[in-house]
Amino acid sequence: MSFADLKQKDVINISDGRRLGKPIDVTFTENARIEAIVVPDGIQNPWERVHRIGDDVILVEIGTEAC
């Protein structure tokens, strides 16, 4: 899957059902592994919090303190 594919999907927080937007950036570790998906309001959703990438959505679990 490419970043172009990820950019087309909505990011949904499963903790509260809120739509966070479509990814605008991805951050990487020094070892070139994905560290986080960044959404329009600047929130970085850590990769370990990504639960599922579906056909239309990316499901993440972010507590309300991070939003």
N, C-alpha and C. Protein backbone atom coordinates (compact mmCIF):
# COMPACT_ATOMS: atom_id res chain seq x y z
N MET A 1 0.84 -1.17 0.00
CA MET A 1 0.00 0.00 0.00
C MET A 1 0.90 1.24 0.00
N SER A 2 0.53 2.21 -0.79
CA SER A 2 1.30 3.44 -0.87
C SER A 2 0.66 4.55 -0.04
N PHE A 3 1.41 5.64 0.16
CA PHE A 3 0.85 6.78 0.88
C PHE A 3 -0.31 7.38 0.10
N ALA A 4 -0.23 7.33 -1.22
CA ALA A 4 -1.34 7.82 -2.05
C ALA A 4 -2.63 7.05 -1.73
N ASP A 5 -2.51 5.76 -1.45
CA ASP A 5 -3.68 4.96 -1.06
C ASP A 5 -4.18 5.38 0.32
N LEU A 6 -3.26 5.58 1.27
CA LEU A 6 -3.65 5.97 2.63
C LEU A 6 -4.35 7.33 2.64
N LYS A 7 -3.88 8.27 1.80
CA LYS A 7 -4.44 9.62 1.78
C LYS A 7 -5.92 9.66 1.40
N GLN A 8 -6.41 8.61 0.78
CA GLN A 8 -7.80 8.56 0.34
C GLN A 8 -8.75 8.05 1.43
N LYS A 9 -8.22 7.59 2.54
CA LYS A 9 -9.03 6.98 3.59
C LYS A 9 -9.28 7.96 4.74
N ASP A 10 -10.45 7.89 5.35
CA ASP A 10 -10.77 8.68 6.53
C ASP A 10 -10.18 8.00 7.76
N VAL A 11 -9.62 8.80 8.67
CA VAL A 11 -9.11 8.27 9.94
C VAL A 11 -10.22 8.46 10.97
N ILE A 12 -10.62 7.36 11.61
CA ILE A 12 -11.70 7.36 12.60
C ILE A 12 -11.14 6.91 13.94
N ASN A 13 -11.44 7.69 14.99
CA ASN A 13 -11.04 7.32 16.34
C ASN A 13 -12.11 6.41 16.92
N ILE A 14 -11.77 5.16 17.18
CA ILE A 14 -12.77 4.21 17.68
C ILE A 14 -13.14 4.47 19.14
N SER A 15 -12.35 5.30 19.84
CA SER A 15 -12.68 5.62 21.24
C SER A 15 -13.95 6.45 21.35
N ASP A 16 -14.13 7.37 20.39
CA ASP A 16 -15.30 8.24 20.46
C ASP A 16 -16.07 8.35 19.13
N GLY A 17 -15.62 7.63 18.10
CA GLY A 17 -16.31 7.63 16.81
C GLY A 17 -16.06 8.87 15.97
N ARG A 18 -15.15 9.73 16.42
CA ARG A 18 -14.90 10.99 15.73
C ARG A 18 -14.06 10.78 14.48
N ARG A 19 -14.45 11.48 13.40
CA ARG A 19 -13.68 11.48 12.16
C ARG A 19 -12.56 12.49 12.32
N LEU A 20 -11.31 12.05 12.16
CA LEU A 20 -10.16 12.92 12.34
C LEU A 20 -9.67 13.53 11.04
N GLY A 21 -10.19 13.08 9.92
CA GLY A 21 -9.78 13.58 8.61
C GLY A 21 -8.95 12.56 7.86
N LYS A 22 -8.49 12.96 6.70
CA LYS A 22 -7.65 12.09 5.88
C LYS A 22 -6.19 12.37 6.21
N PRO A 23 -5.33 11.36 6.15
CA PRO A 23 -3.92 11.57 6.45
C PRO A 23 -3.30 12.63 5.53
N ILE A 24 -2.49 13.51 6.14
CA ILE A 24 -1.77 14.51 5.35
C ILE A 24 -0.27 14.24 5.34
N ASP A 25 0.18 13.38 6.25
CA ASP A 25 1.61 13.08 6.32
C ASP A 25 1.80 11.79 7.10
N VAL A 26 2.99 11.23 6.98
CA VAL A 26 3.39 10.05 7.74
C VAL A 26 4.79 10.34 8.28
N THR A 27 5.03 10.04 9.55
CA THR A 27 6.37 10.21 10.10
C THR A 27 7.04 8.84 10.21
N PHE A 28 8.36 8.85 10.13
CA PHE A 28 9.13 7.61 10.13
C PHE A 28 10.17 7.61 11.25
N THR A 29 10.54 6.41 11.70
CA THR A 29 11.64 6.24 12.65
C THR A 29 12.95 6.28 11.88
N GLU A 30 14.05 6.24 12.60
CA GLU A 30 15.37 6.19 11.95
C GLU A 30 15.54 4.94 11.09
N ASN A 31 14.82 3.88 11.44
CA ASN A 31 14.92 2.61 10.70
C ASN A 31 13.93 2.53 9.55
N ALA A 32 13.34 3.67 9.18
CA ALA A 32 12.40 3.76 8.06
C ALA A 32 11.10 3.00 8.29
N ARG A 33 10.70 2.89 9.55
CA ARG A 33 9.40 2.29 9.88
C ARG A 33 8.41 3.42 10.14
N ILE A 34 7.15 3.17 9.83
CA ILE A 34 6.15 4.21 10.08
C ILE A 34 6.01 4.42 11.57
N GLU A 35 6.10 5.68 11.99
CA GLU A 35 5.98 6.03 13.40
C GLU A 35 4.58 6.54 13.72
N ALA A 36 4.00 7.36 12.82
CA ALA A 36 2.68 7.94 13.07
C ALA A 36 2.05 8.41 11.77
N ILE A 37 0.72 8.47 11.81
CA ILE A 37 -0.06 9.06 10.72
C ILE A 37 -0.53 10.42 11.21
N VAL A 38 -0.28 11.46 10.42
CA VAL A 38 -0.65 12.82 10.80
C VAL A 38 -1.93 13.21 10.07
N VAL A 39 -2.90 13.76 10.83
CA VAL A 39 -4.17 14.22 10.25
C VAL A 39 -4.19 15.75 10.22
N PRO A 40 -5.16 16.37 9.52
CA PRO A 40 -5.14 17.81 9.29
C PRO A 40 -4.97 18.71 10.51
N ASP A 41 -5.48 18.37 11.66
CA ASP A 41 -5.33 19.25 12.82
C ASP A 41 -3.97 19.09 13.51
N GLY A 42 -3.07 18.32 12.90
CA GLY A 42 -1.72 18.16 13.42
C GLY A 42 -1.55 17.01 14.39
N ILE A 43 -2.63 16.34 14.73
CA ILE A 43 -2.52 15.20 15.64
C ILE A 43 -1.75 14.08 14.96
N GLN A 44 -0.74 13.57 15.66
CA GLN A 44 0.01 12.43 15.18
C GLN A 44 -0.54 11.18 15.85
N ASN A 45 -1.08 10.30 15.05
CA ASN A 45 -1.65 9.07 15.55
C ASN A 45 -0.59 7.98 15.48
N PRO A 46 -0.04 7.57 16.63
CA PRO A 46 1.04 6.58 16.64
C PRO A 46 0.64 5.30 15.91
N TRP A 47 1.58 4.75 15.16
CA TRP A 47 1.32 3.56 14.35
C TRP A 47 0.81 2.40 15.21
N GLU A 48 1.32 2.28 16.44
CA GLU A 48 0.86 1.18 17.30
C GLU A 48 -0.59 1.34 17.72
N ARG A 49 -1.18 2.52 17.52
CA ARG A 49 -2.59 2.76 17.84
C ARG A 49 -3.51 2.51 16.65
N VAL A 50 -2.93 2.20 15.49
CA VAL A 50 -3.74 1.86 14.31
C VAL A 50 -4.25 0.44 14.50
N HIS A 51 -5.58 0.29 14.51
CA HIS A 51 -6.17 -1.03 14.71
C HIS A 51 -6.44 -1.76 13.41
N ARG A 52 -6.86 -1.01 12.40
CA ARG A 52 -7.21 -1.65 11.14
C ARG A 52 -7.19 -0.62 10.02
N ILE A 53 -6.74 -1.07 8.86
CA ILE A 53 -6.83 -0.26 7.66
C ILE A 53 -7.78 -0.99 6.72
N GLY A 54 -8.94 -0.38 6.50
CA GLY A 54 -9.95 -0.99 5.64
C GLY A 54 -9.95 -0.37 4.26
N ASP A 55 -10.99 -0.69 3.49
CA ASP A 55 -11.11 -0.17 2.13
C ASP A 55 -11.28 1.35 2.12
N ASP A 56 -12.03 1.89 3.10
CA ASP A 56 -12.36 3.31 3.11
C ASP A 56 -11.87 4.06 4.34
N VAL A 57 -11.52 3.34 5.41
CA VAL A 57 -11.16 4.01 6.66
C VAL A 57 -9.92 3.39 7.31
N ILE A 58 -9.31 4.20 8.16
CA ILE A 58 -8.22 3.75 9.03
C ILE A 58 -8.75 3.92 10.46
N LEU A 59 -8.85 2.83 11.20
CA LEU A 59 -9.36 2.89 12.55
C LEU A 59 -8.20 3.00 13.54
N VAL A 60 -8.24 4.06 14.35
CA VAL A 60 -7.22 4.28 15.37
C VAL A 60 -7.90 4.39 16.72
N GLU A 61 -7.13 4.17 17.79
CA GLU A 61 -7.67 4.33 19.13
C GLU A 61 -6.80 5.34 19.87
N ILE A 62 -7.32 6.54 19.98
CA ILE A 62 -6.63 7.63 20.64
C ILE A 62 -7.52 8.10 21.79
N GLY A 63 -6.97 8.13 22.99
CA GLY A 63 -7.74 8.62 24.15
C GLY A 63 -8.06 10.09 24.00
N THR A 64 -9.07 10.57 24.71
CA THR A 64 -9.50 11.95 24.59
C THR A 64 -8.43 12.93 25.04
N GLU A 65 -7.47 12.51 25.88
CA GLU A 65 -6.41 13.41 26.31
C GLU A 65 -5.48 13.77 25.16
N ALA A 66 -5.40 12.91 24.11
CA ALA A 66 -4.53 13.18 22.96
C ALA A 66 -5.23 14.06 21.94
N CYS A 67 -6.55 14.18 22.02
CA CYS A 67 -7.29 14.94 21.04
C CYS A 67 -7.60 16.27 21.63
